[in-house]
């Protein structure tokens, strides 16, 4: 039996459905009641709950063989308290429940964002040096969650951590939809004409990695693994392919990195002082993601987990566009 926390999120839904299709007994644990209802219609057990609720998490972990901890608050903007409660306290609740309920293995989903340093970084490995200051609250709290997982492993909990980068595909509500919205609203800022190298991860490949973690040998316990499509691409190439497939003009506007970074700083400051402004259109983190080349090294995942991305980025974009035409 398998439990998927964050089961109503993008990655959690995809994993729960894959497990269900393979004949596994799977429980999705999440906050979104509407998505949970759809999962139940498909025959997937759903528990509505919050990671911070010790009793709810404890009950969800009862009788489970493996727990895939996909639940997190993932956003470039928000209050530190909200990120801490979801990402740190929530992870501590999952660890506690796995111990008390005798879960055989915990697969923890982290993020490579905790290594982000607002500069050019290529072929970054899992043990690369941490920044002096984390890029945002999400990165900092996911680092703290990893520390909690590391302590749990040292105390005997069987756990493996993956750090998937920039998930996209059918059902994506973040990366490609935001680019499409920006393109329709005004324009997409192209720093260095969009010729920056980025990593993306197609959703099915990330699910493959999670399942490999479940069956990985004990030598992988306590380890961390970067997960991407393993094919760094230039941002402009992805944008051109996406909007050509959508039959929409790409409204890209060349801007300098320094101009965009300063404008994002102003937007962040405004969002902090204007009560009704929930999130700035762009943050300094977002500008750096679009304007600085950053790629990850996959050697450890390939050699130790046997990870081999099946769906290339070009095919992934095609699949997303077909889905978007019907659901976007």
C-alpha atoms as a PDB file:
ATOM      1  CA  UNK A   1       0.000   0.000   0.000  1.00  0.00           C
ATOM      2  CA  UNK A   2       1.206   3.492  -0.855  1.00  0.00           C
ATOM      3  CA  UNK A   3       0.390   6.942   0.468  1.00  0.00           C
ATOM      4  CA  UNK A   4       0.947  10.081  -1.606  1.00  0.00           C
ATOM      5  CA  UNK A   5       1.001  13.332   0.355  1.00  0.00           C
ATOM      6  CA  UNK A   6       0.251  16.358  -1.784  1.00  0.00           C
ATOM      7  CA  UNK A   7      -1.971  13.967  -3.677  1.00  0.00           C
ATOM      8  CA  UNK A   8      -4.058  16.774  -5.159  1.00  0.00           C
ATOM      9  CA  UNK A   9      -1.009  18.645  -6.485  1.00  0.00           C
ATOM     10  CA  UNK A  10       0.525  18.325  -9.941  1.00  0.00           C
ATOM     11  CA  UNK A  11       3.124  15.674  -9.106  1.00  0.00           C
ATOM     12  CA  UNK A  12       1.010  13.920  -6.485  1.00  0.00           C
ATOM     13  CA  UNK A  13      -1.925  13.419  -8.836  1.00  0.00           C
ATOM     14  CA  UNK A  14       0.301  12.006 -11.569  1.00  0.00           C
ATOM     15  CA  UNK A  15       1.936   9.580  -9.147  1.00  0.00           C
ATOM     16  CA  UNK A  16      -1.341   8.470  -7.569  1.00  0.00           C
ATOM     17  CA  UNK A  17      -2.846   7.767 -10.979  1.00  0.00           C
ATOM     18  CA  UNK A  18       0.220   5.813 -12.128  1.00  0.00           C
ATOM     19  CA  UNK A  19       0.154   3.684  -8.981  1.00  0.00           C
ATOM     20  CA  UNK A  20      -3.578   3.083  -9.391  1.00  0.00           C
ATOM     21  CA  UNK A  21      -3.222   2.064 -13.059  1.00  0.00           C
ATOM     22  CA  UNK A  22      -0.568  -0.466 -12.075  1.00  0.00           C
ATOM     23  CA  UNK A  23      -3.010  -2.148  -9.691  1.00  0.00           C
ATOM     24  CA  UNK A  24      -1.588  -0.743  -6.460  1.00  0.00           C
ATOM     25  CA  UNK A  25      -3.688   0.270  -3.477  1.00  0.00           C
ATOM     26  CA  UNK A  26      -2.975   3.975  -3.201  1.00  0.00           C
ATOM     27  CA  UNK A  27      -4.208   6.750  -0.927  1.00  0.00           C
ATOM     28  CA  UNK A  28      -3.974  10.395  -1.940  1.00  0.00           C
ATOM     29  CA  UNK A  29      -3.719  12.849   0.948  1.00  0.00           C
ATOM     30  CA  UNK A  30      -4.288  16.525   0.158  1.00  0.00           C
ATOM     31  CA  UNK A  31      -6.227  19.730   0.719  1.00  0.00           C
ATOM     32  CA  UNK A  32      -8.120  20.199  -2.563  1.00  0.00           C
ATOM     33  CA  UNK A  33     -11.525  18.618  -2.103  1.00  0.00           C
ATOM     34  CA  UNK A  34     -12.568  19.123  -5.742  1.00  0.00           C
ATOM     35  CA  UNK A  35      -9.490  17.343  -7.096  1.00  0.00           C
ATOM     36  CA  UNK A  36      -9.888  14.689  -4.415  1.00  0.00           C
ATOM     37  CA  UNK A  37     -13.439  14.028  -5.622  1.00  0.00           C
ATOM     38  CA  UNK A  38     -12.127  13.401  -9.143  1.00  0.00           C
ATOM     39  CA  UNK A  39      -9.525  10.980  -7.832  1.00  0.00           C
ATOM     40  CA  UNK A  40     -12.213   9.117  -5.899  1.00  0.00           C
ATOM     41  CA  UNK A  41     -14.278   8.817  -9.094  1.00  0.00           C
ATOM     42  CA  UNK A  42     -11.277   7.100 -10.665  1.00  0.00           C
ATOM     43  CA  UNK A  43     -11.150   4.603  -7.794  1.00  0.00           C
ATOM     44  CA  UNK A  44      -8.340   6.213  -5.803  1.00  0.00           C
ATOM     45  CA  UNK A  45      -8.814   6.505  -2.045  1.00  0.00           C
ATOM     46  CA  UNK A  46      -8.688  10.145  -0.949  1.00  0.00           C
ATOM     47  CA  UNK A  47      -8.195  11.687   2.474  1.00  0.00           C
ATOM     48  CA  UNK A  48      -8.674  15.418   2.801  1.00  0.00           C
ATOM     49  CA  UNK A  49      -6.255  16.824   5.333  1.00  0.00           C
ATOM     50  CA  UNK A  50      -3.399  19.165   6.184  1.00  0.00           C
ATOM     51  CA  UNK A  51       0.209  18.145   6.690  1.00  0.00           C
ATOM     52  CA  UNK A  52       0.392  20.199   9.870  1.00  0.00           C
ATOM     53  CA  UNK A  53      -2.346  18.096  11.503  1.00  0.00           C
ATOM     54  CA  UNK A  54      -0.511  15.368  13.435  1.00  0.00           C
ATOM     55  CA  UNK A  55      -3.567  13.135  13.869  1.00  0.00           C
ATOM     56  CA  UNK A  56      -4.641  13.323  10.232  1.00  0.00           C
ATOM     57  CA  UNK A  57      -1.147  12.454   8.993  1.00  0.00           C
ATOM     58  CA  UNK A  58      -0.808   9.656  11.545  1.00  0.00           C
ATOM     59  CA  UNK A  59      -4.072   8.074  10.425  1.00  0.00           C
ATOM     60  CA  UNK A  60      -3.163   8.434   6.743  1.00  0.00           C
ATOM     61  CA  UNK A  61       0.158   6.615   7.273  1.00  0.00           C
ATOM     62  CA  UNK A  62      -1.421   3.686   9.110  1.00  0.00           C
ATOM     63  CA  UNK A  63      -0.904   0.419   7.249  1.00  0.00           C
ATOM     64  CA  UNK A  64       1.179   1.989   4.467  1.00  0.00           C
ATOM     65  CA  UNK A  65       4.243   0.252   3.053  1.00  0.00           C
ATOM     66  CA  UNK A  66       5.684   3.341   1.376  1.00  0.00           C
ATOM     67  CA  UNK A  67       4.978   7.050   1.715  1.00  0.00           C
ATOM     68  CA  UNK A  68       5.726   9.426  -1.137  1.00  0.00           C
ATOM     69  CA  UNK A  69       5.958  12.854   0.473  1.00  0.00           C
ATOM     70  CA  UNK A  70       5.090  15.192  -2.425  1.00  0.00           C
ATOM     71  CA  UNK A  71       3.157  17.718  -0.329  1.00  0.00           C
ATOM     72  CA  UNK A  72       4.605  21.217   0.028  1.00  0.00           C
ATOM     73  CA  UNK A  73       3.848  24.893  -0.354  1.00  0.00           C
ATOM     74  CA  UNK A  74       5.666  25.755  -3.582  1.00  0.00           C
ATOM     75  CA  UNK A  75       5.627  29.385  -4.672  1.00  0.00           C
ATOM     76  CA  UNK A  76       8.120  32.180  -5.351  1.00  0.00           C
ATOM     77  CA  UNK A  77       6.167  34.432  -2.989  1.00  0.00           C
ATOM     78  CA  UNK A  78       4.318  34.258   0.313  1.00  0.00           C
ATOM     79  CA  UNK A  79       4.629  34.522   4.083  1.00  0.00           C
ATOM     80  CA  UNK A  80       7.488  32.691   5.758  1.00  0.00           C
ATOM     81  CA  UNK A  81       5.137  31.314   8.418  1.00  0.00           C
ATOM     82  CA  UNK A  82       2.998  29.592   5.779  1.00  0.00           C
ATOM     83  CA  UNK A  83       6.032  28.013   4.111  1.00  0.00           C
ATOM     84  CA  UNK A  84       7.459  26.882   7.457  1.00  0.00           C
ATOM     85  CA  UNK A  85       4.231  25.304   8.627  1.00  0.00           C
ATOM     86  CA  UNK A  86       3.699  23.400   5.385  1.00  0.00           C
ATOM     87  CA  UNK A  87       7.234  22.450   4.417  1.00  0.00           C
ATOM     88  CA  UNK A  88       9.033  22.047   7.741  1.00  0.00           C
ATOM     89  CA  UNK A  89       6.346  21.160  10.277  1.00  0.00           C
ATOM     90  CA  UNK A  90       4.478  19.151   7.635  1.00  0.00           C
ATOM     91  CA  UNK A  91       7.593  17.095   6.881  1.00  0.00           C
ATOM     92  CA  UNK A  92       8.228  16.550  10.581  1.00  0.00           C
ATOM     93  CA  UNK A  93       4.657  15.243  10.935  1.00  0.00           C
ATOM     94  CA  UNK A  94       5.216  12.802   8.052  1.00  0.00           C
ATOM     95  CA  UNK A  95       8.512  11.588   9.545  1.00  0.00           C
ATOM     96  CA  UNK A  96       6.906  11.044  12.944  1.00  0.00           C
ATOM     97  CA  UNK A  97       3.992   9.124  11.434  1.00  0.00           C
ATOM     98  CA  UNK A  98       6.271   6.936   9.292  1.00  0.00           C
ATOM     99  CA  UNK A  99       8.222   5.935  12.380  1.00  0.00           C
ATOM    100  CA  UNK A 100       5.231   5.167  14.557  1.00  0.00           C
ATOM    101  CA  UNK A 101       3.302   3.371  11.835  1.00  0.00           C
ATOM    102  CA  UNK A 102       6.242   1.225  10.715  1.00  0.00           C
ATOM    103  CA  UNK A 103       6.372   2.514   7.132  1.00  0.00           C
ATOM    104  CA  UNK A 104       8.933   0.528   5.143  1.00  0.00           C
ATOM    105  CA  UNK A 105      10.272   3.479   3.122  1.00  0.00           C
ATOM    106  CA  UNK A 106       9.777   7.242   2.827  1.00  0.00           C
ATOM    107  CA  UNK A 107      10.439   8.932  -0.507  1.00  0.00           C
ATOM    108  CA  UNK A 108      10.841  12.648   0.093  1.00  0.00           C
ATOM    109  CA  UNK A 109      10.403  15.249  -2.673  1.00  0.00           C
ATOM    110  CA  UNK A 110      12.685  18.237  -2.197  1.00  0.00           C
ATOM    111  CA  UNK A 111      13.913  20.864  -4.677  1.00  0.00           C
ATOM    112  CA  UNK A 112      17.182  21.998  -6.278  1.00  0.00           C
ATOM    113  CA  UNK A 113      16.027  25.572  -5.605  1.00  0.00           C
ATOM    114  CA  UNK A 114      17.807  25.373  -2.253  1.00  0.00           C
ATOM    115  CA  UNK A 115      21.088  25.517  -4.217  1.00  0.00           C
ATOM    116  CA  UNK A 116      20.003  28.598  -6.203  1.00  0.00           C
ATOM    117  CA  UNK A 117      22.463  31.506  -5.972  1.00  0.00           C
ATOM    118  CA  UNK A 118      21.329  34.167  -8.506  1.00  0.00           C
ATOM    119  CA  UNK A 119      24.261  33.364 -10.791  1.00  0.00           C
ATOM    120  CA  UNK A 120      25.317  31.121 -13.667  1.00  0.00           C
ATOM    121  CA  UNK A 121      25.654  27.526 -12.490  1.00  0.00           C
ATOM    122  CA  UNK A 122      26.025  24.609 -14.900  1.00  0.00           C
ATOM    123  CA  UNK A 123      26.084  20.864 -14.220  1.00  0.00           C
ATOM    124  CA  UNK A 124      25.379  21.353 -10.514  1.00  0.00           C
ATOM    125  CA  UNK A 125      25.772  18.234  -8.372  1.00  0.00           C
ATOM    126  CA  UNK A 126      23.781  17.266  -5.296  1.00  0.00           C
ATOM    127  CA  UNK A 127      26.587  18.107  -2.877  1.00  0.00           C
ATOM    128  CA  UNK A 128      27.307  21.565  -4.342  1.00  0.00           C
ATOM    129  CA  UNK A 129      27.862  24.354  -1.833  1.00  0.00           C
ATOM    130  CA  UNK A 130      24.798  26.095  -0.432  1.00  0.00           C
ATOM    131  CA  UNK A 131      24.229  29.812  -0.973  1.00  0.00           C
ATOM    132  CA  UNK A 132      25.027  32.255   1.791  1.00  0.00           C
ATOM    133  CA  UNK A 133      21.394  33.270   1.717  1.00  0.00           C
ATOM    134  CA  UNK A 134      18.512  31.292   0.276  1.00  0.00           C
ATOM    135  CA  UNK A 135      16.695  32.745  -2.725  1.00  0.00           C
ATOM    136  CA  UNK A 136      13.257  32.757  -1.092  1.00  0.00           C
ATOM    137  CA  UNK A 137      11.175  31.279   1.717  1.00  0.00           C
ATOM    138  CA  UNK A 138      10.408  28.173  -0.328  1.00  0.00           C
ATOM    139  CA  UNK A 139      14.099  27.328  -0.792  1.00  0.00           C
ATOM    140  CA  UNK A 140      14.948  27.961   2.861  1.00  0.00           C
ATOM    141  CA  UNK A 141      12.110  25.869   4.265  1.00  0.00           C
ATOM    142  CA  UNK A 142      12.749  23.012   1.855  1.00  0.00           C
ATOM    143  CA  UNK A 143      16.364  23.003   3.056  1.00  0.00           C
ATOM    144  CA  UNK A 144      15.151  22.816   6.651  1.00  0.00           C
ATOM    145  CA  UNK A 145      12.851  19.953   5.642  1.00  0.00           C
ATOM    146  CA  UNK A 146      15.819  18.122   4.105  1.00  0.00           C
ATOM    147  CA  UNK A 147      17.701  18.564   7.370  1.00  0.00           C
ATOM    148  CA  UNK A 148      14.797  16.964   9.234  1.00  0.00           C
ATOM    149  CA  UNK A 149      14.832  14.061   6.779  1.00  0.00           C
ATOM    150  CA  UNK A 150      18.600  13.669   7.181  1.00  0.00           C
ATOM    151  CA  UNK A 151      18.235  13.484  10.964  1.00  0.00           C
ATOM    152  CA  UNK A 152      15.476  10.898  10.597  1.00  0.00           C
ATOM    153  CA  UNK A 153      17.712   8.764   8.382  1.00  0.00           C
ATOM    154  CA  UNK A 154      20.532   8.935  10.922  1.00  0.00           C
ATOM    155  CA  UNK A 155      18.035   7.726  13.514  1.00  0.00           C
ATOM    156  CA  UNK A 156      17.025   4.717  11.405  1.00  0.00           C
ATOM    157  CA  UNK A 157      14.208   5.812   9.052  1.00  0.00           C
ATOM    158  CA  UNK A 158      14.628   4.384   5.519  1.00  0.00           C
ATOM    159  CA  UNK A 159      14.351   7.451   3.289  1.00  0.00           C
ATOM    160  CA  UNK A 160      15.447   8.651  -0.164  1.00  0.00           C
ATOM    161  CA  UNK A 161      15.217  12.268  -1.372  1.00  0.00           C
ATOM    162  CA  UNK A 162      14.770  13.516  -4.922  1.00  0.00           C
ATOM    163  CA  UNK A 163      15.034  17.080  -6.187  1.00  0.00           C
ATOM    164  CA  UNK A 164      13.049  17.403  -9.433  1.00  0.00           C
ATOM    165  CA  UNK A 165      13.543  20.576 -11.458  1.00  0.00           C
ATOM    166  CA  UNK A 166      10.808  22.602 -13.215  1.00  0.00           C
ATOM    167  CA  UNK A 167       8.030  20.040 -13.722  1.00  0.00           C
ATOM    168  CA  UNK A 168       5.802  20.482 -16.761  1.00  0.00           C
ATOM    169  CA  UNK A 169       3.222  18.534 -18.732  1.00  0.00           C
ATOM    170  CA  UNK A 170      -0.557  18.011 -18.899  1.00  0.00           C
ATOM    171  CA  UNK A 171      -2.092  19.358 -15.706  1.00  0.00           C
ATOM    172  CA  UNK A 172       0.707  21.901 -15.140  1.00  0.00           C
ATOM    173  CA  UNK A 173      -0.653  24.989 -13.405  1.00  0.00           C
ATOM    174  CA  UNK A 174       2.617  26.839 -12.918  1.00  0.00           C
ATOM    175  CA  UNK A 175       5.427  27.020 -15.482  1.00  0.00           C
ATOM    176  CA  UNK A 176       3.901  26.877 -18.957  1.00  0.00           C
ATOM    177  CA  UNK A 177       0.554  28.446 -17.956  1.00  0.00           C
ATOM    178  CA  UNK A 178       2.365  31.455 -16.451  1.00  0.00           C
ATOM    179  CA  UNK A 179       4.415  31.918 -19.610  1.00  0.00           C
ATOM    180  CA  UNK A 180       1.284  31.678 -21.752  1.00  0.00           C
ATOM    181  CA  UNK A 181      -0.529  34.174 -19.536  1.00  0.00           C
ATOM    182  CA  UNK A 182       2.391  36.616 -19.651  1.00  0.00           C
ATOM    183  CA  UNK A 183       2.549  36.312 -23.420  1.00  0.00           C
ATOM    184  CA  UNK A 184      -1.176  37.003 -23.757  1.00  0.00           C
ATOM    185  CA  UNK A 185      -1.213  39.816 -21.208  1.00  0.00           C
ATOM    186  CA  UNK A 186       1.759  41.834 -22.477  1.00  0.00           C
ATOM    187  CA  UNK A 187       5.032  40.087 -23.285  1.00  0.00           C
ATOM    188  CA  UNK A 188       7.639  37.633 -22.019  1.00  0.00           C
ATOM    189  CA  UNK A 189      10.865  39.357 -20.965  1.00  0.00           C
ATOM    190  CA  UNK A 190      13.795  37.853 -22.853  1.00  0.00           C
ATOM    191  CA  UNK A 191      17.020  38.403 -20.955  1.00  0.00           C
ATOM    192  CA  UNK A 192      20.046  37.821 -23.167  1.00  0.00           C
ATOM    193  CA  UNK A 193      17.482  37.198 -25.941  1.00  0.00           C
ATOM    194  CA  UNK A 194      16.370  34.053 -24.144  1.00  0.00           C
ATOM    195  CA  UNK A 195      19.653  32.287 -24.838  1.00  0.00           C
ATOM    196  CA  UNK A 196      20.040  30.928 -21.320  1.00  0.00           C
ATOM    197  CA  UNK A 197      20.360  27.230 -20.603  1.00  0.00           C
ATOM    198  CA  UNK A 198      17.655  25.671 -18.431  1.00  0.00           C
ATOM    199  CA  UNK A 199      16.553  22.256 -17.242  1.00  0.00           C
ATOM    200  CA  UNK A 200      12.968  21.023 -17.410  1.00  0.00           C
ATOM    201  CA  UNK A 201      11.421  17.757 -16.216  1.00  0.00           C
ATOM    202  CA  UNK A 202       8.459  16.143 -17.918  1.00  0.00           C
ATOM    203  CA  UNK A 203       5.950  14.967 -15.325  1.00  0.00           C
ATOM    204  CA  UNK A 204       6.029  11.280 -16.333  1.00  0.00           C
ATOM    205  CA  UNK A 205       9.809  11.208 -15.968  1.00  0.00           C
ATOM    206  CA  UNK A 206       9.523  12.581 -12.430  1.00  0.00           C
ATOM    207  CA  UNK A 207       7.007   9.839 -11.589  1.00  0.00           C
ATOM    208  CA  UNK A 208       9.446   7.268 -12.978  1.00  0.00           C
ATOM    209  CA  UNK A 209      12.090   8.613 -10.605  1.00  0.00           C
ATOM    210  CA  UNK A 210       9.774   8.334  -7.613  1.00  0.00           C
ATOM    211  CA  UNK A 211       8.972   4.721  -8.411  1.00  0.00           C
ATOM    212  CA  UNK A 212      12.663   3.927  -8.826  1.00  0.00           C
ATOM    213  CA  UNK A 213      13.236   5.313  -5.335  1.00  0.00           C
ATOM    214  CA  UNK A 214      10.686   2.886  -3.925  1.00  0.00           C
ATOM    215  CA  UNK A 215      12.581  -0.137  -5.236  1.00  0.00           C
ATOM    216  CA  UNK A 216      16.133   1.237  -5.061  1.00  0.00           C
ATOM    217  CA  UNK A 217      18.717  -0.810  -3.106  1.00  0.00           C
ATOM    218  CA  UNK A 218      19.482   0.039   0.504  1.00  0.00           C
ATOM    219  CA  UNK A 219      22.736   1.658  -0.611  1.00  0.00           C
ATOM    220  CA  UNK A 220      20.584   4.546  -1.889  1.00  0.00           C
ATOM    221  CA  UNK A 221      18.999   5.236   1.490  1.00  0.00           C
ATOM    222  CA  UNK A 222      19.874   8.628   2.901  1.00  0.00           C
ATOM    223  CA  UNK A 223      20.943   9.866  -0.531  1.00  0.00           C
ATOM    224  CA  UNK A 224      19.702  12.850  -2.556  1.00  0.00           C
ATOM    225  CA  UNK A 225      19.121  12.797  -6.314  1.00  0.00           C
ATOM    226  CA  UNK A 226      18.696  15.556  -8.876  1.00  0.00           C
ATOM    227  CA  UNK A 227      15.982  14.793 -11.422  1.00  0.00           C
ATOM    228  CA  UNK A 228      15.571  16.538 -14.797  1.00  0.00           C
ATOM    229  CA  UNK A 229      14.990  15.556 -18.411  1.00  0.00           C
ATOM    230  CA  UNK A 230      18.757  15.378 -18.801  1.00  0.00           C
ATOM    231  CA  UNK A 231      18.685  17.586 -21.896  1.00  0.00           C
ATOM    232  CA  UNK A 232      19.487  21.236 -21.129  1.00  0.00           C
ATOM    233  CA  UNK A 233      17.791  23.559 -23.603  1.00  0.00           C
ATOM    234  CA  UNK A 234      17.837  27.265 -24.306  1.00  0.00           C
ATOM    235  CA  UNK A 235      14.758  29.086 -23.054  1.00  0.00           C
ATOM    236  CA  UNK A 236      14.101  30.744 -26.413  1.00  0.00           C
ATOM    237  CA  UNK A 237      13.947  27.356 -28.156  1.00  0.00           C
ATOM    238  CA  UNK A 238      11.290  26.081 -25.750  1.00  0.00           C
ATOM    239  CA  UNK A 239       9.259  29.274 -26.086  1.00  0.00           C
ATOM    240  CA  UNK A 240       9.385  29.204 -29.875  1.00  0.00           C
ATOM    241  CA  UNK A 241       8.288  25.576 -29.954  1.00  0.00           C
ATOM    242  CA  UNK A 242       5.488  26.161 -27.426  1.00  0.00           C
ATOM    243  CA  UNK A 243       3.904  29.157 -29.137  1.00  0.00           C
ATOM    244  CA  UNK A 244       4.322  27.718 -32.619  1.00  0.00           C
ATOM    245  CA  UNK A 245       2.387  24.648 -31.458  1.00  0.00           C
ATOM    246  CA  UNK A 246      -0.255  26.927 -29.890  1.00  0.00           C
ATOM    247  CA  UNK A 247      -0.511  28.941 -33.137  1.00  0.00           C
ATOM    248  CA  UNK A 248       0.221  32.104 -31.175  1.00  0.00           C
ATOM    249  CA  UNK A 249       2.862  34.757 -31.825  1.00  0.00           C
ATOM    250  CA  UNK A 250       5.687  34.833 -29.306  1.00  0.00           C
ATOM    251  CA  UNK A 251       5.653  38.304 -27.782  1.00  0.00           C
ATOM    252  CA  UNK A 252       9.168  38.436 -26.454  1.00  0.00           C
ATOM    253  CA  UNK A 253      10.722  41.709 -25.379  1.00  0.00           C
ATOM    254  CA  UNK A 254      14.503  41.976 -24.997  1.00  0.00           C
ATOM    255  CA  UNK A 255      15.434  43.386 -21.589  1.00  0.00           C
ATOM    256  CA  UNK A 256      18.668  43.563 -19.649  1.00  0.00           C
ATOM    257  CA  UNK A 257      19.121  41.423 -16.574  1.00  0.00           C
ATOM    258  CA  UNK A 258      19.829  44.422 -14.380  1.00  0.00           C
ATOM    259  CA  UNK A 259      16.701  46.266 -15.558  1.00  0.00           C
ATOM    260  CA  UNK A 260      14.507  43.223 -14.964  1.00  0.00           C
ATOM    261  CA  UNK A 261      16.072  42.480 -11.576  1.00  0.00           C
ATOM    262  CA  UNK A 262      15.568  46.066 -10.384  1.00  0.00           C
ATOM    263  CA  UNK A 263      11.976  46.104 -11.662  1.00  0.00           C
ATOM    264  CA  UNK A 264      11.289  42.839  -9.812  1.00  0.00           C
ATOM    265  CA  UNK A 265      12.749  44.343  -6.632  1.00  0.00           C
ATOM    266  CA  UNK A 266      10.321  47.270  -6.960  1.00  0.00           C
ATOM    267  CA  UNK A 267       7.429  44.846  -7.514  1.00  0.00           C
ATOM    268  CA  UNK A 268       8.398  42.847  -4.422  1.00  0.00           C
ATOM    269  CA  UNK A 269       8.631  45.999  -2.319  1.00  0.00           C
ATOM    270  CA  UNK A 270       5.220  47.127  -3.552  1.00  0.00           C
ATOM    271  CA  UNK A 271       3.693  43.728  -2.762  1.00  0.00           C
ATOM    272  CA  UNK A 272       5.001  43.970   0.793  1.00  0.00           C
ATOM    273  CA  UNK A 273       3.540  47.413   1.498  1.00  0.00           C
ATOM    274  CA  UNK A 274       0.259  47.156  -0.453  1.00  0.00           C
ATOM    275  CA  UNK A 275      -2.077  44.931   1.620  1.00  0.00           C
ATOM    276  CA  UNK A 276      -4.291  43.725  -1.235  1.00  0.00           C
ATOM    277  CA  UNK A 277      -1.434  42.774  -3.598  1.00  0.00           C
ATOM    278  CA  UNK A 278      -0.919  39.044  -3.061  1.00  0.00           C
ATOM    279  CA  UNK A 279       1.999  38.296  -5.409  1.00  0.00           C
ATOM    280  CA  UNK A 280       4.153  40.491  -7.671  1.00  0.00           C
ATOM    281  CA  UNK A 281       4.059  39.683 -11.411  1.00  0.00           C
ATOM    282  CA  UNK A 282       7.783  38.931 -11.275  1.00  0.00           C
ATOM    283  CA  UNK A 283      10.180  38.282  -8.408  1.00  0.00           C
ATOM    284  CA  UNK A 284      13.967  38.516  -8.376  1.00  0.00           C
ATOM    285  CA  UNK A 285      14.026  34.733  -8.227  1.00  0.00           C
ATOM    286  CA  UNK A 286      11.853  34.475 -11.352  1.00  0.00           C
ATOM    287  CA  UNK A 287      14.020  36.981 -13.205  1.00  0.00           C
ATOM    288  CA  UNK A 288      17.148  35.004 -12.347  1.00  0.00           C
ATOM    289  CA  UNK A 289      15.541  31.739 -13.443  1.00  0.00           C
ATOM    290  CA  UNK A 290      14.752  33.344 -16.819  1.00  0.00           C
ATOM    291  CA  UNK A 291      18.030  35.227 -17.083  1.00  0.00           C
ATOM    292  CA  UNK A 292      20.794  32.985 -15.717  1.00  0.00           C
ATOM    293  CA  UNK A 293      21.891  29.638 -17.163  1.00  0.00           C
ATOM    294  CA  UNK A 294      21.403  26.888 -14.588  1.00  0.00           C
ATOM    295  CA  UNK A 295      21.572  23.133 -15.153  1.00  0.00           C
ATOM    296  CA  UNK A 296      21.877  20.060 -12.949  1.00  0.00           C
ATOM    297  CA  UNK A 297      24.072  16.975 -13.052  1.00  0.00           C
ATOM    298  CA  UNK A 298      22.194  13.641 -13.329  1.00  0.00           C
ATOM    299  CA  UNK A 299      25.097  11.212 -12.944  1.00  0.00           C
ATOM    300  CA  UNK A 300      24.098  10.065  -9.468  1.00  0.00           C
ATOM    301  CA  UNK A 301      20.460   9.384 -10.428  1.00  0.00           C
ATOM    302  CA  UNK A 302      21.481   7.566 -13.598  1.00  0.00           C
ATOM    303  CA  UNK A 303      24.107   5.357 -11.969  1.00  0.00           C
ATOM    304  CA  UNK A 304      22.507   4.636  -8.591  1.00  0.00           C
ATOM    305  CA  UNK A 305      18.751   4.706  -9.332  1.00  0.00           C
ATOM    306  CA  UNK A 306      18.943   3.603 -12.965  1.00  0.00           C
ATOM    307  CA  UNK A 307      17.034   6.741 -13.959  1.00  0.00           C
ATOM    308  CA  UNK A 308      16.666   7.312 -17.705  1.00  0.00           C
ATOM    309  CA  UNK A 309      14.211  10.028 -18.850  1.00  0.00           C
ATOM    310  CA  UNK A 310      11.746   8.456 -21.290  1.00  0.00           C
ATOM    311  CA  UNK A 311       9.845  11.471 -22.623  1.00  0.00           C
ATOM    312  CA  UNK A 312      11.990  14.162 -24.290  1.00  0.00           C
ATOM    313  CA  UNK A 313      11.154  17.840 -23.882  1.00  0.00           C
ATOM    314  CA  UNK A 314       9.897  18.266 -27.462  1.00  0.00           C
ATOM    315  CA  UNK A 315       7.398  15.424 -27.040  1.00  0.00           C
ATOM    316  CA  UNK A 316       6.450  16.752 -23.615  1.00  0.00           C
ATOM    317  CA  UNK A 317       5.615  20.166 -25.074  1.00  0.00           C
ATOM    318  CA  UNK A 318       3.503  18.489 -27.767  1.00  0.00           C
ATOM    319  CA  UNK A 319       1.585  16.549 -25.120  1.00  0.00           C
ATOM    320  CA  UNK A 320       1.052  19.679 -23.054  1.00  0.00           C
ATOM    321  CA  UNK A 321      -0.273  21.634 -26.047  1.00  0.00           C
ATOM    322  CA  UNK A 322      -2.762  18.874 -26.899  1.00  0.00           C
ATOM    323  CA  UNK A 323      -3.960  18.890 -23.288  1.00  0.00           C
ATOM    324  CA  UNK A 324      -4.064  22.694 -23.174  1.00  0.00           C
ATOM    325  CA  UNK A 325      -6.334  22.891 -26.221  1.00  0.00           C
ATOM    326  CA  UNK A 326      -8.931  20.833 -24.375  1.00  0.00           C
ATOM    327  CA  UNK A 327      -8.434  22.050 -20.821  1.00  0.00           C
ATOM    328  CA  UNK A 328      -6.493  25.316 -20.882  1.00  0.00           C
END
